[in-house]
């Protein structure tokens, strides 16, 4: 996996773990702030990934759409 792919995945995980509302239309400055806050709140990117994994295990019916939304948002804003 290339460095840009790692960064994209880290952003998606942080957006997933953020307090942004699923489906919200968010601009880049707001997304940047939400990513920083999620990383800080969860003790790093690994903490965001752990939250994502937990949600997939406990609430897959909401985790799947949130993950898909987070990926689309990051692709739109950062690619």
N, C-alpha and C. Protein backbone atom coordinates (compact mmCIF):
# COMPACT_ATOMS: atom_id res chain seq x y z
N UNK A 1 0.86 -1.18 0.00
CA UNK A 1 0.00 0.00 0.00
C UNK A 1 0.90 1.23 0.00
N UNK A 2 0.57 2.18 -0.85
CA UNK A 2 1.39 3.38 -0.95
C UNK A 2 1.05 4.36 0.18
N UNK A 3 1.94 5.30 0.40
CA UNK A 3 1.74 6.30 1.46
C UNK A 3 0.44 7.08 1.28
N UNK A 4 0.08 7.50 0.05
CA UNK A 4 -1.19 8.21 -0.10
C UNK A 4 -2.39 7.34 0.29
N UNK A 5 -2.33 6.02 -0.02
CA UNK A 5 -3.42 5.13 0.36
C UNK A 5 -3.55 5.01 1.87
N UNK A 6 -2.43 4.96 2.55
CA UNK A 6 -2.43 4.89 4.01
C UNK A 6 -3.08 6.15 4.58
N UNK A 7 -2.74 7.29 4.03
CA UNK A 7 -3.31 8.55 4.48
C UNK A 7 -4.81 8.60 4.23
N UNK A 8 -5.24 8.14 3.05
CA UNK A 8 -6.67 8.10 2.74
C UNK A 8 -7.40 7.21 3.75
N UNK A 9 -6.85 6.03 4.01
CA UNK A 9 -7.49 5.11 4.96
C UNK A 9 -7.54 5.71 6.36
N UNK A 10 -6.48 6.37 6.78
CA UNK A 10 -6.47 7.00 8.10
C UNK A 10 -7.53 8.09 8.19
N UNK A 11 -7.68 8.86 7.13
CA UNK A 11 -8.72 9.90 7.12
C UNK A 11 -10.11 9.27 7.19
N UNK A 12 -10.34 8.22 6.44
CA UNK A 12 -11.65 7.55 6.46
C UNK A 12 -11.95 7.04 7.87
N UNK A 13 -10.98 6.41 8.49
CA UNK A 13 -11.18 5.89 9.85
C UNK A 13 -11.48 7.01 10.83
N UNK A 14 -10.77 8.12 10.69
CA UNK A 14 -11.00 9.25 11.59
C UNK A 14 -12.36 9.90 11.33
N UNK A 15 -12.76 10.03 10.07
CA UNK A 15 -14.09 10.57 9.77
C UNK A 15 -15.15 9.65 10.35
N UNK A 16 -14.97 8.34 10.19
CA UNK A 16 -15.91 7.38 10.76
C UNK A 16 -16.05 7.60 12.26
N UNK A 17 -14.93 7.79 12.94
CA UNK A 17 -14.92 7.93 14.39
C UNK A 17 -15.28 9.34 14.87
N UNK A 18 -15.46 10.25 13.94
CA UNK A 18 -15.72 11.66 14.30
C UNK A 18 -17.16 11.87 14.72
N UNK A 19 -17.43 13.11 15.13
CA UNK A 19 -18.79 13.47 15.52
C UNK A 19 -19.61 14.02 14.35
N UNK A 20 -19.08 13.92 13.13
CA UNK A 20 -19.83 14.35 11.97
C UNK A 20 -21.04 13.43 11.78
N UNK A 21 -22.14 14.00 11.33
CA UNK A 21 -23.35 13.23 11.09
C UNK A 21 -23.24 12.51 9.75
N UNK A 22 -23.55 11.22 9.76
CA UNK A 22 -23.51 10.44 8.53
C UNK A 22 -24.37 11.09 7.46
N UNK A 23 -23.79 11.25 6.30
CA UNK A 23 -24.49 11.83 5.18
C UNK A 23 -24.38 13.34 5.08
N UNK A 24 -23.78 13.97 6.09
CA UNK A 24 -23.66 15.43 6.08
C UNK A 24 -22.77 15.88 4.94
N UNK A 25 -23.11 17.03 4.37
CA UNK A 25 -22.27 17.67 3.37
C UNK A 25 -21.28 18.55 4.14
N UNK A 26 -20.02 18.23 4.07
CA UNK A 26 -18.99 18.86 4.90
C UNK A 26 -17.92 19.44 3.98
N UNK A 27 -17.46 20.66 4.30
CA UNK A 27 -16.36 21.23 3.53
C UNK A 27 -15.03 20.76 4.13
N UNK A 28 -13.97 21.02 3.41
CA UNK A 28 -12.66 20.51 3.83
C UNK A 28 -12.20 21.07 5.19
N UNK A 29 -12.34 22.37 5.47
CA UNK A 29 -11.91 22.84 6.80
C UNK A 29 -12.66 22.15 7.95
N UNK A 30 -13.96 21.95 7.77
CA UNK A 30 -14.73 21.28 8.83
C UNK A 30 -14.31 19.82 8.95
N UNK A 31 -14.04 19.17 7.83
CA UNK A 31 -13.60 17.79 7.86
C UNK A 31 -12.22 17.68 8.51
N UNK A 32 -11.32 18.60 8.17
CA UNK A 32 -9.99 18.62 8.80
C UNK A 32 -10.11 18.72 10.32
N UNK A 33 -10.98 19.62 10.78
CA UNK A 33 -11.17 19.80 12.22
C UNK A 33 -11.75 18.55 12.87
N UNK A 34 -12.70 17.91 12.19
CA UNK A 34 -13.32 16.70 12.73
C UNK A 34 -12.30 15.56 12.79
N UNK A 35 -11.45 15.45 11.79
CA UNK A 35 -10.41 14.43 11.77
C UNK A 35 -9.44 14.65 12.93
N UNK A 36 -8.98 15.89 13.10
CA UNK A 36 -8.06 16.19 14.22
C UNK A 36 -8.70 15.84 15.56
N UNK A 37 -9.95 16.23 15.74
CA UNK A 37 -10.65 15.97 17.01
C UNK A 37 -10.83 14.47 17.24
N UNK A 38 -11.18 13.73 16.20
CA UNK A 38 -11.37 12.28 16.36
C UNK A 38 -10.07 11.59 16.71
N UNK A 39 -8.98 12.00 16.07
CA UNK A 39 -7.68 11.40 16.37
C UNK A 39 -7.28 11.70 17.81
N UNK A 40 -7.50 12.93 18.23
CA UNK A 40 -7.16 13.31 19.61
C UNK A 40 -8.05 12.57 20.61
N UNK A 41 -9.33 12.53 20.37
CA UNK A 41 -10.29 11.89 21.28
C UNK A 41 -10.04 10.40 21.41
N UNK A 42 -9.65 9.76 20.32
CA UNK A 42 -9.48 8.30 20.30
C UNK A 42 -8.05 7.84 20.53
N UNK A 43 -7.18 8.76 20.84
CA UNK A 43 -5.80 8.39 21.14
C UNK A 43 -4.98 8.00 19.92
N UNK A 44 -5.34 8.54 18.77
CA UNK A 44 -4.59 8.28 17.55
C UNK A 44 -5.44 7.59 16.51
N UNK A 45 -4.83 7.36 15.36
CA UNK A 45 -5.53 6.73 14.25
C UNK A 45 -5.91 5.30 14.61
N UNK A 46 -5.07 4.61 15.33
CA UNK A 46 -5.41 3.23 15.73
C UNK A 46 -6.67 3.20 16.58
N UNK A 47 -6.84 4.20 17.42
CA UNK A 47 -8.05 4.27 18.23
C UNK A 47 -9.28 4.48 17.36
N UNK A 48 -9.14 5.25 16.30
CA UNK A 48 -10.24 5.45 15.35
C UNK A 48 -10.56 4.13 14.66
N UNK A 49 -9.52 3.39 14.26
CA UNK A 49 -9.72 2.10 13.62
C UNK A 49 -10.39 1.12 14.59
N UNK A 50 -10.00 1.16 15.85
CA UNK A 50 -10.63 0.29 16.84
C UNK A 50 -12.12 0.61 16.98
N UNK A 51 -12.46 1.89 16.96
CA UNK A 51 -13.87 2.28 17.04
C UNK A 51 -14.63 1.76 15.82
N UNK A 52 -14.04 1.90 14.64
CA UNK A 52 -14.66 1.40 13.43
C UNK A 52 -14.89 -0.11 13.54
N UNK A 53 -13.90 -0.85 13.97
CA UNK A 53 -14.02 -2.31 14.09
C UNK A 53 -15.09 -2.69 15.11
N UNK A 54 -15.12 -1.98 16.20
CA UNK A 54 -16.14 -2.25 17.23
C UNK A 54 -17.53 -2.02 16.68
N UNK A 55 -17.71 -0.93 15.97
CA UNK A 55 -19.03 -0.64 15.40
C UNK A 55 -19.44 -1.68 14.36
N UNK A 56 -18.48 -2.16 13.56
CA UNK A 56 -18.80 -3.21 12.60
C UNK A 56 -19.25 -4.48 13.32
N UNK A 57 -18.64 -4.78 14.46
CA UNK A 57 -19.01 -5.96 15.23
C UNK A 57 -20.34 -5.82 15.95
N UNK A 58 -20.59 -4.63 16.49
CA UNK A 58 -21.78 -4.42 17.31
C UNK A 58 -22.97 -3.86 16.55
N UNK A 59 -22.72 -3.04 15.54
CA UNK A 59 -23.81 -2.37 14.81
C UNK A 59 -23.51 -2.33 13.31
N UNK A 60 -23.40 -3.50 12.67
CA UNK A 60 -23.05 -3.49 11.25
C UNK A 60 -24.08 -2.77 10.38
N UNK A 61 -25.32 -2.74 10.82
CA UNK A 61 -26.37 -2.09 10.02
C UNK A 61 -26.16 -0.59 9.91
N UNK A 62 -25.49 0.02 10.86
CA UNK A 62 -25.19 1.45 10.77
C UNK A 62 -23.72 1.70 10.40
N UNK A 63 -22.86 0.75 10.72
CA UNK A 63 -21.43 0.93 10.43
C UNK A 63 -21.15 0.90 8.93
N UNK A 64 -21.83 0.04 8.22
CA UNK A 64 -21.58 -0.08 6.78
C UNK A 64 -21.90 1.23 6.06
N UNK A 65 -23.12 1.78 6.23
CA UNK A 65 -23.40 3.04 5.54
C UNK A 65 -22.50 4.19 6.00
N UNK A 66 -22.14 4.21 7.28
CA UNK A 66 -21.27 5.29 7.76
C UNK A 66 -19.89 5.17 7.14
N UNK A 67 -19.38 3.96 7.04
CA UNK A 67 -18.07 3.73 6.43
C UNK A 67 -18.08 4.12 4.95
N UNK A 68 -19.13 3.76 4.26
CA UNK A 68 -19.25 4.12 2.85
C UNK A 68 -19.32 5.62 2.66
N UNK A 69 -20.09 6.28 3.51
CA UNK A 69 -20.18 7.74 3.46
C UNK A 69 -18.82 8.38 3.74
N UNK A 70 -18.13 7.88 4.77
CA UNK A 70 -16.81 8.43 5.12
C UNK A 70 -15.84 8.29 3.94
N UNK A 71 -15.86 7.16 3.27
CA UNK A 71 -14.98 6.94 2.11
C UNK A 71 -15.33 7.92 0.99
N UNK A 72 -16.61 8.08 0.70
CA UNK A 72 -17.01 9.02 -0.37
C UNK A 72 -16.60 10.45 -0.01
N UNK A 73 -16.79 10.83 1.23
CA UNK A 73 -16.45 12.18 1.67
C UNK A 73 -14.95 12.43 1.52
N UNK A 74 -14.15 11.51 2.00
CA UNK A 74 -12.69 11.66 1.91
C UNK A 74 -12.25 11.67 0.44
N UNK A 75 -12.81 10.79 -0.36
CA UNK A 75 -12.45 10.78 -1.79
C UNK A 75 -12.80 12.11 -2.44
N UNK A 76 -13.95 12.65 -2.10
CA UNK A 76 -14.39 13.92 -2.68
C UNK A 76 -13.51 15.10 -2.24
N UNK A 77 -13.18 15.15 -0.96
CA UNK A 77 -12.47 16.31 -0.42
C UNK A 77 -10.95 16.26 -0.59
N UNK A 78 -10.37 15.07 -0.66
CA UNK A 78 -8.90 14.96 -0.60
C UNK A 78 -8.26 14.36 -1.85
N UNK A 79 -9.03 13.95 -2.82
CA UNK A 79 -8.40 13.35 -4.02
C UNK A 79 -8.52 14.25 -5.20
